[in-house]
Amino acid sequence: MFEYDNEIVESLLSENKDFERLYAKHSQLKQRVDQANAGVEAIDDISLEQLKKEKLLVKDRLASLIEGYRRVHV
């Protein structure tokens, strides 16, 4: 996730608690989605779609924070 912005992500992880919290949440959601898709975690289709939507919302928020950082620091 955000491989092209590694430096910004590292800076935000050390400077911004909200970003750190969201980053951890996204990682957790990604892991659950991956496990569900692999059949490791039993989950119904509706719940899986809800997880995917939540993951996308968190990713969008992270992208917004990255963009804000870029505008100020680049």
N, C-alpha and C. Protein backbone atom coordinates (compact mmCIF):
# COMPACT_ATOMS: atom_id res chain seq x y z
N MET A 1 0.85 -1.18 0.00
CA MET A 1 0.00 0.00 0.00
C MET A 1 0.88 1.24 0.00
N PHE A 2 0.63 2.13 -0.89
CA PHE A 2 1.33 3.41 -0.99
C PHE A 2 2.84 3.22 -1.17
N GLU A 3 3.23 2.23 -1.94
CA GLU A 3 4.64 1.94 -2.16
C GLU A 3 5.38 3.13 -2.78
N TYR A 4 4.71 3.89 -3.58
CA TYR A 4 5.32 5.02 -4.27
C TYR A 4 5.52 6.20 -3.33
N ASP A 5 5.00 6.17 -2.13
CA ASP A 5 5.11 7.25 -1.16
C ASP A 5 5.76 6.78 0.14
N ASN A 6 6.70 5.86 0.05
CA ASN A 6 7.30 5.27 1.25
C ASN A 6 7.86 6.31 2.22
N GLU A 7 8.56 7.30 1.69
CA GLU A 7 9.16 8.31 2.57
C GLU A 7 8.09 9.10 3.31
N ILE A 8 7.04 9.48 2.60
CA ILE A 8 5.95 10.23 3.22
C ILE A 8 5.24 9.37 4.26
N VAL A 9 4.99 8.11 3.93
CA VAL A 9 4.33 7.20 4.86
C VAL A 9 5.16 7.05 6.13
N GLU A 10 6.46 6.86 5.98
CA GLU A 10 7.34 6.72 7.15
C GLU A 10 7.30 7.98 8.01
N SER A 11 7.33 9.15 7.38
CA SER A 11 7.25 10.41 8.12
C SER A 11 5.93 10.53 8.86
N LEU A 12 4.85 10.22 8.18
CA LEU A 12 3.53 10.33 8.81
C LEU A 12 3.36 9.31 9.94
N LEU A 13 3.91 8.13 9.77
CA LEU A 13 3.80 7.12 10.82
C LEU A 13 4.52 7.57 12.10
N SER A 14 5.59 8.32 11.93
CA SER A 14 6.32 8.77 13.11
C SER A 14 5.78 10.08 13.68
N GLU A 15 5.06 10.86 12.87
CA GLU A 15 4.62 12.20 13.28
C GLU A 15 3.13 12.31 13.57
N ASN A 16 2.33 11.45 13.02
CA ASN A 16 0.88 11.64 13.05
C ASN A 16 0.19 10.40 13.62
N LYS A 17 -0.33 10.54 14.83
CA LYS A 17 -0.98 9.41 15.51
C LYS A 17 -2.24 8.94 14.77
N ASP A 18 -2.98 9.87 14.18
CA ASP A 18 -4.17 9.51 13.42
C ASP A 18 -3.79 8.64 12.22
N PHE A 19 -2.73 9.05 11.51
CA PHE A 19 -2.26 8.27 10.36
C PHE A 19 -1.80 6.89 10.83
N GLU A 20 -1.07 6.84 11.93
CA GLU A 20 -0.59 5.57 12.46
C GLU A 20 -1.76 4.64 12.79
N ARG A 21 -2.79 5.19 13.42
CA ARG A 21 -3.97 4.40 13.78
C ARG A 21 -4.68 3.88 12.53
N LEU A 22 -4.85 4.76 11.55
CA LEU A 22 -5.53 4.36 10.31
C LEU A 22 -4.71 3.33 9.54
N TYR A 23 -3.41 3.50 9.53
CA TYR A 23 -2.52 2.57 8.83
C TYR A 23 -2.65 1.17 9.44
N ALA A 24 -2.65 1.11 10.77
CA ALA A 24 -2.81 -0.18 11.46
C ALA A 24 -4.18 -0.78 11.18
N LYS A 25 -5.21 0.05 11.17
CA LYS A 25 -6.57 -0.42 10.89
C LYS A 25 -6.64 -0.99 9.47
N HIS A 26 -6.04 -0.30 8.51
CA HIS A 26 -6.04 -0.77 7.12
C HIS A 26 -5.33 -2.11 7.02
N SER A 27 -4.20 -2.25 7.70
CA SER A 27 -3.46 -3.52 7.67
C SER A 27 -4.30 -4.65 8.23
N GLN A 28 -5.01 -4.37 9.32
CA GLN A 28 -5.88 -5.37 9.95
C GLN A 28 -7.00 -5.77 9.00
N LEU A 29 -7.65 -4.79 8.38
CA LEU A 29 -8.75 -5.08 7.46
C LEU A 29 -8.25 -5.85 6.24
N LYS A 30 -7.08 -5.46 5.72
CA LYS A 30 -6.52 -6.16 4.57
C LYS A 30 -6.26 -7.62 4.90
N GLN A 31 -5.72 -7.87 6.08
CA GLN A 31 -5.46 -9.23 6.49
C GLN A 31 -6.75 -10.04 6.58
N ARG A 32 -7.80 -9.47 7.15
CA ARG A 32 -9.08 -10.17 7.27
C ARG A 32 -9.67 -10.47 5.90
N VAL A 33 -9.61 -9.48 4.98
CA VAL A 33 -10.13 -9.68 3.63
C VAL A 33 -9.34 -10.78 2.93
N ASP A 34 -8.02 -10.74 3.05
CA ASP A 34 -7.18 -11.76 2.42
C ASP A 34 -7.49 -13.15 2.97
N GLN A 35 -7.67 -13.24 4.28
CA GLN A 35 -7.98 -14.53 4.90
C GLN A 35 -9.36 -15.04 4.45
N ALA A 36 -10.31 -14.13 4.35
CA ALA A 36 -11.65 -14.52 3.90
C ALA A 36 -11.60 -15.01 2.46
N ASN A 37 -10.86 -14.30 1.62
CA ASN A 37 -10.75 -14.69 0.21
C ASN A 37 -10.04 -16.03 0.05
N ALA A 38 -9.12 -16.32 0.97
CA ALA A 38 -8.38 -17.59 0.91
C ALA A 38 -9.14 -18.73 1.57
N GLY A 39 -10.27 -18.42 2.20
CA GLY A 39 -11.06 -19.44 2.85
C GLY A 39 -10.60 -19.76 4.26
N VAL A 40 -9.64 -19.00 4.77
CA VAL A 40 -9.13 -19.23 6.12
C VAL A 40 -10.11 -18.73 7.16
N GLU A 41 -10.73 -17.59 6.88
CA GLU A 41 -11.73 -17.02 7.78
C GLU A 41 -13.11 -17.20 7.16
N ALA A 42 -13.98 -17.86 7.87
CA ALA A 42 -15.34 -18.08 7.38
C ALA A 42 -16.14 -16.79 7.56
N ILE A 43 -16.63 -16.27 6.44
CA ILE A 43 -17.38 -15.02 6.47
C ILE A 43 -18.37 -15.02 5.31
N ASP A 44 -19.54 -14.48 5.56
CA ASP A 44 -20.53 -14.45 4.47
C ASP A 44 -20.20 -13.31 3.50
N ASP A 45 -20.80 -13.38 2.33
CA ASP A 45 -20.50 -12.42 1.26
C ASP A 45 -20.82 -10.98 1.65
N ILE A 46 -21.91 -10.78 2.35
CA ILE A 46 -22.30 -9.42 2.74
C ILE A 46 -21.28 -8.84 3.71
N SER A 47 -20.86 -9.63 4.68
CA SER A 47 -19.86 -9.16 5.64
C SER A 47 -18.52 -8.90 4.96
N LEU A 48 -18.17 -9.73 4.01
CA LEU A 48 -16.93 -9.53 3.26
C LEU A 48 -16.98 -8.22 2.48
N GLU A 49 -18.09 -7.97 1.82
CA GLU A 49 -18.23 -6.71 1.08
C GLU A 49 -18.15 -5.51 2.01
N GLN A 50 -18.73 -5.63 3.20
CA GLN A 50 -18.66 -4.55 4.19
C GLN A 50 -17.22 -4.31 4.62
N LEU A 51 -16.47 -5.38 4.84
CA LEU A 51 -15.06 -5.25 5.19
C LEU A 51 -14.28 -4.55 4.09
N LYS A 52 -14.56 -4.94 2.85
CA LYS A 52 -13.88 -4.31 1.71
C LYS A 52 -14.19 -2.83 1.62
N LYS A 53 -15.45 -2.47 1.86
CA LYS A 53 -15.83 -1.05 1.82
C LYS A 53 -15.14 -0.27 2.93
N GLU A 54 -15.10 -0.86 4.12
CA GLU A 54 -14.44 -0.19 5.24
C GLU A 54 -12.95 -0.01 4.95
N LYS A 55 -12.32 -1.04 4.39
CA LYS A 55 -10.91 -0.98 4.02
C LYS A 55 -10.66 0.13 3.01
N LEU A 56 -11.54 0.25 2.03
CA LEU A 56 -11.40 1.28 1.02
C LEU A 56 -11.57 2.68 1.62
N LEU A 57 -12.51 2.84 2.54
CA LEU A 57 -12.69 4.14 3.20
C LEU A 57 -11.45 4.54 3.98
N VAL A 58 -10.86 3.58 4.68
CA VAL A 58 -9.64 3.87 5.44
C VAL A 58 -8.51 4.21 4.49
N LYS A 59 -8.40 3.48 3.38
CA LYS A 59 -7.35 3.75 2.40
C LYS A 59 -7.53 5.14 1.80
N ASP A 60 -8.75 5.53 1.51
CA ASP A 60 -9.02 6.88 0.99
C ASP A 60 -8.60 7.95 1.98
N ARG A 61 -8.86 7.72 3.26
CA ARG A 61 -8.46 8.67 4.30
C ARG A 61 -6.94 8.76 4.39
N LEU A 62 -6.26 7.62 4.31
CA LEU A 62 -4.80 7.62 4.31
C LEU A 62 -4.26 8.39 3.10
N ALA A 63 -4.84 8.17 1.94
CA ALA A 63 -4.41 8.87 0.73
C ALA A 63 -4.61 10.37 0.89
N SER A 64 -5.68 10.77 1.52
CA SER A 64 -5.93 12.19 1.76
C SER A 64 -4.87 12.79 2.68
N LEU A 65 -4.51 12.08 3.72
CA LEU A 65 -3.47 12.55 4.63
C LEU A 65 -2.11 12.64 3.92
N ILE A 66 -1.82 11.68 3.06
CA ILE A 66 -0.58 11.70 2.29
C ILE A 66 -0.56 12.91 1.35
N GLU A 67 -1.67 13.14 0.69
CA GLU A 67 -1.76 14.28 -0.24
C GLU A 67 -1.59 15.60 0.52
N GLY A 68 -2.20 15.72 1.69
CA GLY A 68 -2.04 16.92 2.50
C GLY A 68 -0.59 17.13 2.91
N TYR A 69 0.06 16.07 3.29
CA TYR A 69 1.48 16.16 3.65
C TYR A 69 2.30 16.61 2.45
N ARG A 70 2.01 16.03 1.30
CA ARG A 70 2.75 16.36 0.07
C ARG A 70 2.59 17.85 -0.27
N ARG A 71 1.38 18.39 -0.12
CA ARG A 71 1.16 19.81 -0.44
C ARG A 71 1.97 20.72 0.47
N VAL A 72 2.12 20.34 1.72
CA VAL A 72 2.82 21.18 2.69
C VAL A 72 4.34 21.02 2.59
N HIS A 73 4.82 19.80 2.33
CA HIS A 73 6.25 19.51 2.44
C HIS A 73 6.97 19.36 1.11
N VAL A 74 6.28 19.31 0.01
CA VAL A 74 6.97 19.10 -1.27
C VAL A 74 6.87 20.31 -2.15
